[in-house]
Amino acid sequence: MPMDRVIHQRRIVISGREECIRVAFVKNRKRISILVDDAGGIQVRCPSGIPLKQVDALLVREKEWLNNRLSNVRLHSHHRQQLGEGTPLPFLGDCLTLRLGHWGRGTVFRCGDDLWITRIILADLDHELDIRRPLERWYQRGARAYFAQRLDYWARKMGVSFNQLHVRGQKTRWGSCSCRGNINLNWRLMWAAPRVVDYVVVHELSHLSHMDHSAAFWERVGRFVPDYLECRKRLKAIRSPW
């Protein structure tokens, strides 16, 4: 955990249910924000020096918003699984098994079909943020290297050139191409099979020639990915593993 963060826990009752809230005091932060992750974990991020009673007052004021957000997360929780020892994780067509180690210097590494996160020290409520954050960073690092390699390959094959690659974490888009030739790709594509990733790469590179979804655009996509309709179906079927 970075040394510029001090963690506290607060508890608040929302709709008759006690919630554990992680409060992080972050050096050089300018304002307070409340985050609710996809697993229902709540975190408040604050500038250093903010008194806890001010945080408590904020939580009371935002109770209705928190209740609505948590209700929405729990409504869709049947699509998700809890992260923990043995959780299966999709990775470019493979299935890795999550392993947790309470030792080492704090790292994430792959060993065969196991993905290890070491030096896991969980809060008393087994807060998933301790697992999810390093896990997402590992996926993001892998995505940057893999996407760069696939973009270079397909750009040469298609006879086009792009400006920059940006790896994003959008909730509703797998990729995009800007008018400046920048390619944005979602790191969550690492949950897909390599052929599906290639389809998205070809799709975005095709926008360098056609900034629309015209018949000419799809003809170009199909020239390089003949089974793009099947790839689109597989893309729509992807669900978050956590």
Protein backbone atom coordinates (compact mmCIF):
# COMPACT_ATOMS: atom_id res chain seq x y z
CA MET A 1 0.00 0.00 0.00
CA PRO A 2 1.42 3.44 -0.89
CA MET A 3 2.83 5.39 2.06
CA ASP A 4 0.85 8.53 1.16
CA ARG A 5 -2.44 6.81 2.08
CA VAL A 6 -3.89 6.36 5.57
CA ILE A 7 -6.82 3.97 5.81
CA HIS A 8 -9.67 4.08 8.31
CA GLN A 9 -12.94 2.17 8.45
CA ARG A 10 -16.36 3.58 9.25
CA ARG A 11 -19.68 1.81 9.63
CA ILE A 12 -23.10 3.10 8.65
CA VAL A 13 -26.55 1.52 8.52
CA ILE A 14 -28.21 1.80 5.10
CA SER A 15 -31.72 0.35 4.69
CA GLY A 16 -31.29 -1.72 7.84
CA ARG A 17 -27.97 -3.18 6.76
CA GLU A 18 -24.63 -2.25 8.31
CA GLU A 19 -22.08 -1.30 5.67
CA CYS A 20 -18.32 -1.14 6.18
CA ILE A 21 -16.78 1.87 4.48
CA ARG A 22 -13.09 2.31 3.79
CA VAL A 23 -11.82 5.88 4.21
CA ALA A 24 -8.53 6.69 2.46
CA PHE A 25 -6.69 9.92 3.25
CA VAL A 26 -4.58 10.69 0.19
CA LYS A 27 -1.72 13.17 0.09
CA ASN A 28 -2.22 16.10 -2.34
CA ARG A 29 -5.85 15.19 -3.01
CA LYS A 30 -8.07 18.26 -3.44
CA ARG A 31 -11.60 17.00 -2.72
CA ILE A 32 -13.66 14.22 -1.17
CA SER A 33 -15.26 11.54 -3.34
CA ILE A 34 -17.32 8.42 -2.67
CA LEU A 35 -16.78 5.31 -4.79
CA VAL A 36 -18.93 2.18 -4.92
CA ASP A 37 -17.28 -0.66 -6.82
CA ASP A 38 -19.00 -3.42 -8.77
CA ALA A 39 -18.77 -5.77 -5.78
CA GLY A 40 -20.56 -3.31 -3.47
CA GLY A 41 -17.41 -2.12 -1.69
CA ILE A 42 -17.57 1.51 -0.57
CA GLN A 43 -14.58 3.81 -0.34
CA VAL A 44 -14.28 7.49 0.54
CA ARG A 45 -11.15 9.26 -0.75
CA CYS A 46 -10.23 12.42 1.13
CA PRO A 47 -7.50 15.04 1.32
CA SER A 48 -5.12 14.55 4.23
CA GLY A 49 -6.23 16.43 7.34
CA ILE A 50 -9.99 16.17 6.83
CA PRO A 51 -11.56 15.25 10.21
CA LEU A 52 -13.42 11.95 10.34
CA LYS A 53 -16.55 13.68 11.65
CA GLN A 54 -16.72 15.55 8.34
CA VAL A 55 -16.56 12.22 6.52
CA ASP A 56 -19.32 10.84 8.77
CA ALA A 57 -21.50 13.86 7.99
CA LEU A 58 -20.96 13.35 4.26
CA LEU A 59 -21.98 9.70 4.51
CA VAL A 60 -25.20 10.65 6.31
CA ARG A 61 -26.03 13.25 3.63
CA GLU A 62 -25.36 10.76 0.83
CA LYS A 63 -27.28 7.85 2.37
CA GLU A 64 -30.01 7.93 -0.28
CA TRP A 65 -27.47 7.96 -3.13
CA LEU A 66 -25.53 5.12 -1.51
CA ASN A 67 -28.69 3.09 -1.04
CA ASN A 68 -29.65 3.51 -4.71
CA ARG A 69 -26.15 2.67 -5.91
CA LEU A 70 -25.86 -0.42 -3.70
CA SER A 71 -29.32 -1.62 -4.72
CA ASN A 72 -28.34 -1.36 -8.38
CA VAL A 73 -25.07 -3.22 -7.80
CA ARG A 74 -26.78 -6.02 -5.88
CA LEU A 75 -29.53 -6.30 -8.49
CA HIS A 76 -26.88 -7.25 -11.03
CA SER A 77 -24.68 -9.25 -8.65
CA HIS A 78 -25.94 -12.57 -10.06
CA HIS A 79 -23.66 -11.91 -13.03
CA ARG A 80 -20.61 -11.72 -10.77
CA GLN A 81 -18.60 -13.95 -8.51
CA GLN A 82 -16.73 -13.02 -5.37
CA LEU A 83 -13.00 -12.71 -5.78
CA GLY A 84 -11.02 -15.07 -3.61
CA GLU A 85 -8.79 -18.13 -3.53
CA GLY A 86 -9.59 -20.33 -6.51
CA THR A 87 -11.65 -17.81 -8.50
CA PRO A 88 -11.43 -18.62 -12.25
CA LEU A 89 -10.17 -15.70 -14.35
CA PRO A 90 -10.44 -15.45 -18.16
CA PHE A 91 -7.28 -14.35 -19.93
CA LEU A 92 -6.98 -14.33 -23.74
CA GLY A 93 -8.83 -17.59 -24.20
CA ASP A 94 -7.21 -19.29 -21.20
CA CYS A 95 -8.70 -19.81 -17.75
CA LEU A 96 -6.38 -18.84 -14.90
CA THR A 97 -6.95 -19.68 -11.24
CA LEU A 98 -6.56 -16.89 -8.68
CA ARG A 99 -4.16 -17.71 -5.85
CA LEU A 100 -3.66 -15.52 -2.77
CA GLY A 101 -0.37 -15.44 -0.86
CA HIS A 102 0.10 -13.77 2.52
CA TRP A 103 3.84 -13.44 1.94
CA GLY A 104 6.37 -11.70 -0.29
CA ARG A 105 6.77 -8.06 -1.20
CA GLY A 106 3.37 -7.52 -2.76
CA THR A 107 3.17 -8.46 -6.41
CA VAL A 108 1.02 -10.13 -9.07
CA PHE A 109 2.51 -12.81 -11.28
CA ARG A 110 1.47 -15.73 -13.44
CA CYS A 111 2.84 -19.21 -12.81
CA GLY A 112 1.47 -21.67 -15.34
CA ASP A 113 -2.31 -21.52 -15.09
CA ASP A 114 -2.21 -19.83 -11.66
CA LEU A 115 -2.31 -16.08 -11.13
CA TRP A 116 -0.78 -15.14 -7.78
CA ILE A 117 -1.41 -12.00 -5.76
CA THR A 118 1.00 -11.91 -2.83
CA ARG A 119 1.06 -10.05 0.44
CA ILE A 120 -2.72 -9.93 0.67
CA ILE A 121 -3.79 -8.51 4.04
CA LEU A 122 -7.57 -8.33 4.06
CA ALA A 123 -9.76 -6.20 6.30
CA ASP A 124 -12.05 -7.91 8.78
CA LEU A 125 -14.85 -7.93 6.18
CA ASP A 126 -12.66 -9.48 3.47
CA HIS A 127 -12.73 -6.31 1.38
CA GLU A 128 -12.46 -7.18 -2.31
CA LEU A 129 -10.66 -3.93 -3.12
CA ASP A 130 -7.47 -5.49 -1.74
CA ILE A 131 -7.70 -8.11 -4.47
CA ARG A 132 -9.43 -6.32 -7.32
CA ARG A 133 -7.12 -3.32 -7.60
CA PRO A 134 -3.81 -5.17 -8.07
CA LEU A 135 -5.63 -7.67 -10.28
CA GLU A 136 -6.94 -4.92 -12.57
CA ARG A 137 -3.50 -3.28 -12.72
CA TRP A 138 -2.02 -6.62 -13.83
CA TYR A 139 -4.61 -6.95 -16.59
CA GLN A 140 -3.98 -3.35 -17.67
CA ARG A 141 -0.23 -3.87 -17.94
CA GLY A 142 -0.76 -7.00 -19.99
CA ALA A 143 -3.30 -5.23 -22.17
CA ARG A 144 -0.93 -2.41 -23.06
CA ALA A 145 1.79 -4.78 -24.27
CA TYR A 146 -0.58 -7.15 -26.06
CA PHE A 147 -2.66 -4.44 -27.74
CA ALA A 148 0.46 -2.64 -28.97
CA GLN A 149 1.70 -5.84 -30.59
CA ARG A 150 -1.65 -6.60 -32.26
CA LEU A 151 -2.11 -3.01 -33.45
CA ASP A 152 1.33 -2.98 -35.05
CA TYR A 153 0.66 -6.32 -36.74
CA TRP A 154 -2.72 -5.36 -38.15
CA ALA A 155 -1.72 -1.82 -39.12
CA ARG A 156 1.05 -3.25 -41.30
CA LYS A 157 -1.25 -5.89 -42.76
CA MET A 158 -3.98 -3.33 -43.52
CA GLY A 159 -1.58 -0.69 -44.82
CA VAL A 160 -2.61 2.01 -42.33
CA SER A 161 -0.90 3.95 -39.57
CA PHE A 162 -2.35 5.11 -36.27
CA ASN A 163 -1.17 7.82 -33.93
CA GLN A 164 -1.25 6.57 -30.33
CA LEU A 165 -2.67 3.68 -28.35
CA HIS A 166 -4.62 4.48 -25.18
CA VAL A 167 -5.74 1.70 -22.85
CA ARG A 168 -9.00 2.62 -21.15
CA GLY A 169 -11.45 1.08 -18.72
CA GLN A 170 -14.81 2.09 -20.19
CA LYS A 171 -17.90 0.29 -18.97
CA THR A 172 -19.81 0.49 -22.28
CA ARG A 173 -17.24 0.57 -25.10
CA TRP A 174 -14.66 -1.98 -26.20
CA GLY A 175 -12.76 0.48 -28.36
CA SER A 176 -12.84 3.69 -30.36
CA CYS A 177 -10.85 5.60 -32.98
CA SER A 178 -10.50 9.37 -32.79
CA CYS A 179 -10.34 11.76 -35.72
CA ARG A 180 -6.66 12.27 -34.83
CA GLY A 181 -5.91 8.61 -35.40
CA ASN A 182 -5.68 7.62 -31.73
CA ILE A 183 -6.88 4.11 -30.92
CA ASN A 184 -8.57 3.53 -27.56
CA LEU A 185 -8.96 -0.08 -26.39
CA ASN A 186 -10.60 -1.40 -23.25
CA TRP A 187 -8.30 -3.49 -21.04
CA ARG A 188 -11.28 -5.78 -20.35
CA LEU A 189 -10.75 -7.18 -23.84
CA MET A 190 -8.14 -9.36 -22.13
CA TRP A 191 -11.11 -11.43 -20.95
CA ALA A 192 -11.78 -12.36 -24.59
CA ALA A 193 -10.16 -14.86 -26.94
CA PRO A 194 -7.32 -13.55 -29.14
CA ARG A 195 -9.48 -13.76 -32.28
CA VAL A 196 -12.09 -11.49 -30.69
CA VAL A 197 -9.40 -8.99 -29.67
CA ASP A 198 -8.12 -8.99 -33.24
CA TYR A 199 -11.64 -8.23 -34.49
CA VAL A 200 -11.86 -5.15 -32.26
CA VAL A 201 -8.39 -4.02 -33.37
CA VAL A 202 -9.32 -4.41 -37.05
CA HIS A 203 -12.65 -2.67 -36.41
CA GLU A 204 -10.96 0.41 -34.95
CA LEU A 205 -8.18 0.50 -37.55
CA SER A 206 -10.85 0.34 -40.28
CA HIS A 207 -12.21 3.61 -38.93
CA LEU A 208 -9.01 5.27 -40.12
CA SER A 209 -10.44 4.81 -43.63
CA HIS A 210 -14.17 5.01 -42.83
CA MET A 211 -15.27 7.10 -39.83
CA ASP A 212 -18.72 5.48 -39.91
CA HIS A 213 -20.35 2.06 -40.03
CA SER A 214 -21.23 2.14 -43.70
CA ALA A 215 -21.32 -0.86 -46.03
CA ALA A 216 -17.80 0.07 -47.17
CA PHE A 217 -16.62 0.00 -43.56
CA TRP A 218 -18.00 -3.49 -42.92
CA GLU A 219 -16.64 -4.72 -46.23
CA ARG A 220 -13.18 -3.64 -45.09
CA VAL A 221 -13.57 -5.31 -41.70
CA GLY A 222 -14.76 -8.52 -43.37
CA ARG A 223 -11.79 -8.52 -45.71
CA PHE A 224 -9.45 -9.04 -42.74
CA VAL A 225 -11.79 -10.79 -40.28
CA PRO A 226 -14.21 -12.89 -42.37
CA ASP A 227 -15.91 -14.29 -39.24
CA TYR A 228 -16.47 -10.85 -37.69
CA LEU A 229 -20.19 -11.56 -37.09
CA GLU A 230 -19.26 -14.52 -34.88
CA CYS A 231 -16.66 -12.36 -33.11
CA ARG A 232 -19.33 -9.74 -32.41
CA LYS A 233 -21.56 -12.38 -30.83
CA ARG A 234 -18.73 -13.59 -28.64
CA LEU A 235 -17.93 -10.02 -27.65
CA LYS A 236 -21.52 -9.38 -26.56
CA ALA A 237 -21.47 -12.57 -24.49
CA ILE A 238 -18.53 -11.45 -22.31
CA ARG A 239 -19.44 -10.93 -18.65
CA SER A 240 -17.31 -9.48 -15.90
CA PRO A 241 -15.61 -12.28 -13.94
CA TRP A 242 -15.86 -10.23 -10.75
